[in-house]
Protein backbone atom coordinates (compact mmCIF):
# COMPACT_ATOMS: atom_id res chain seq x y z
CA MET A 1 -0.19 -0.29 -0.33
CA VAL A 2 1.65 3.47 -0.61
CA SER A 3 1.56 5.43 2.30
CA GLU A 4 -0.71 8.58 2.80
CA ALA A 5 2.26 10.82 2.51
CA ILE A 6 3.07 10.02 -1.14
CA HIS A 7 -0.69 10.21 -1.81
CA GLN A 8 -0.57 13.82 -0.41
CA ARG A 9 2.61 14.46 -2.33
CA PHE A 10 0.39 13.23 -5.56
CA LEU A 11 -2.07 15.48 -5.40
CA ARG A 12 0.13 18.47 -5.02
CA ASP A 13 1.46 18.41 -7.84
CA PRO A 14 -0.61 19.81 -11.28
CA LEU A 15 -1.90 16.96 -14.01
CA PRO A 16 1.15 17.21 -15.92
CA GLY A 17 3.98 16.74 -12.78
CA ARG A 18 1.66 14.25 -11.62
CA LEU A 19 0.97 12.38 -15.18
CA GLY A 20 5.11 12.77 -16.01
CA SER A 21 5.69 11.35 -11.58
CA LEU A 22 2.97 7.96 -13.34
CA ALA A 23 5.52 7.94 -16.50
CA ALA A 24 8.87 7.85 -14.32
CA ASP A 25 7.69 4.76 -12.64
CA LEU A 26 6.84 3.00 -16.01
CA ALA A 27 10.37 4.10 -17.33
CA ARG A 28 11.64 3.15 -13.50
CA ILE A 29 9.51 -0.61 -14.17
CA ALA A 30 11.41 -0.24 -17.97
CA SER A 31 14.60 -0.37 -16.61
CA PHE A 32 14.44 -2.43 -13.67
CA SER A 33 12.71 -5.30 -14.69
CA GLU A 34 15.56 -6.76 -16.70
CA ASN A 35 17.35 -7.01 -13.34
CA PRO A 36 16.18 -9.99 -11.00
CA ARG A 37 17.20 -8.64 -8.07
CA ASN A 38 14.87 -5.46 -8.65
CA GLN A 39 12.35 -7.45 -8.29
CA ARG A 40 10.29 -6.01 -4.86
CA ALA A 41 11.85 -2.69 -6.45
CA VAL A 42 9.83 -3.59 -9.56
CA ALA A 43 6.88 -4.99 -7.80
CA GLY A 44 6.43 -1.39 -6.11
CA LEU A 45 6.75 0.16 -8.54
CA LEU A 46 3.97 -1.00 -10.35
CA GLU A 47 1.73 -1.11 -7.18
CA GLU A 48 2.33 2.82 -7.04
CA GLY A 49 1.25 3.27 -10.35
CA LYS A 50 -2.31 1.66 -9.88
CA TYR A 51 -2.62 4.43 -7.01
CA PHE A 52 -0.82 7.05 -9.29
CA ALA A 53 -3.28 5.92 -12.32
CA GLU A 54 -6.23 5.64 -10.32
CA TRP A 55 -5.05 9.60 -7.68
CA ALA A 56 -4.38 11.11 -11.80
CA ALA A 57 -7.55 10.19 -13.32
CA PRO A 58 -10.43 12.71 -11.70
CA ASP A 59 -8.51 16.18 -13.20
CA ALA A 60 -7.74 14.97 -16.42
CA PRO A 61 -9.99 15.42 -19.90
CA LEU A 62 -12.03 12.57 -20.71
CA GLU A 63 -9.29 10.55 -23.00
CA THR A 64 -6.86 10.98 -20.26
CA GLN A 65 -9.20 8.94 -18.03
CA ALA A 66 -9.52 6.53 -20.39
CA ILE A 67 -5.91 6.06 -20.98
CA LEU A 68 -5.08 6.09 -17.74
CA ALA A 69 -7.65 3.32 -16.63
CA GLU A 70 -6.24 1.07 -19.38
CA LEU A 71 -3.42 1.76 -17.76
CA GLN A 72 -3.95 0.34 -14.21
CA VAL A 73 -5.70 -2.79 -15.62
CA MET A 74 -2.19 -2.81 -16.69
CA LEU A 75 -0.47 -2.82 -14.23
CA ALA A 76 -2.73 -4.87 -11.89
CA VAL A 77 -2.47 -8.09 -14.39
CA TRP A 78 1.81 -7.37 -14.56
CA GLU A 79 1.81 -6.96 -10.92
CA ARG A 80 0.00 -10.61 -10.39
CA ARG A 81 2.43 -12.37 -13.49
CA TRP A 82 5.60 -10.53 -11.79
CA LEU A 83 4.68 -12.16 -8.33
CA ASN A 84 3.50 -14.96 -9.01
CA GLY A 85 6.89 -15.50 -11.18
CA THR A 86 5.60 -15.36 -14.56
CA PRO A 87 6.34 -11.60 -16.07
CA ALA A 88 5.00 -11.02 -19.10
CA LEU A 89 7.44 -10.63 -21.98
CA SER A 90 6.68 -7.35 -24.02
CA MET A 91 6.41 -5.63 -19.62
CA ARG A 92 9.56 -4.14 -20.10
CA THR A 93 9.00 -2.24 -23.57
CA GLU A 94 4.94 -1.67 -23.45
CA ALA A 95 6.23 -0.02 -19.91
CA GLN A 96 8.35 2.05 -21.89
CA ARG A 97 6.30 3.02 -24.75
CA LYS A 98 3.21 4.22 -22.66
CA SER A 99 5.95 5.89 -20.10
CA ASP A 100 7.26 8.09 -22.58
CA GLU A 101 2.84 8.44 -24.23
CA LEU A 102 2.31 9.94 -21.06
CA LEU A 103 5.06 12.24 -21.01
CA ALA A 104 3.91 13.19 -24.51
CA LEU A 105 -0.09 13.69 -23.41
CA ALA A 106 1.52 15.51 -19.73
CA GLY A 107 3.92 17.82 -22.16
CA LEU A 108 6.48 16.79 -20.88
CA THR A 109 8.16 16.13 -23.63
């Protein structure tokens, strides 16, 4: 579970910053998932990403809300597979692609 302090800090950011934080988590997932020693870190990022997607959605335009909802489901599937020891083969590349997409949506690229 993500702490209340992280929740409150996340909500203080404007929407572009929130999307940027989620994009950063996705980029870390893409990078960290290459090394099996990062098992716990990736699991934590997958968990945090689900919350970030949920918390960013209420202030986002409808199209972005749909992207965030889809991303939240994707993160949940990845998390389940990661914890079961059968990570999705496409997780690394898809996480990076989604990170880039969110940065563009936020106007941060």
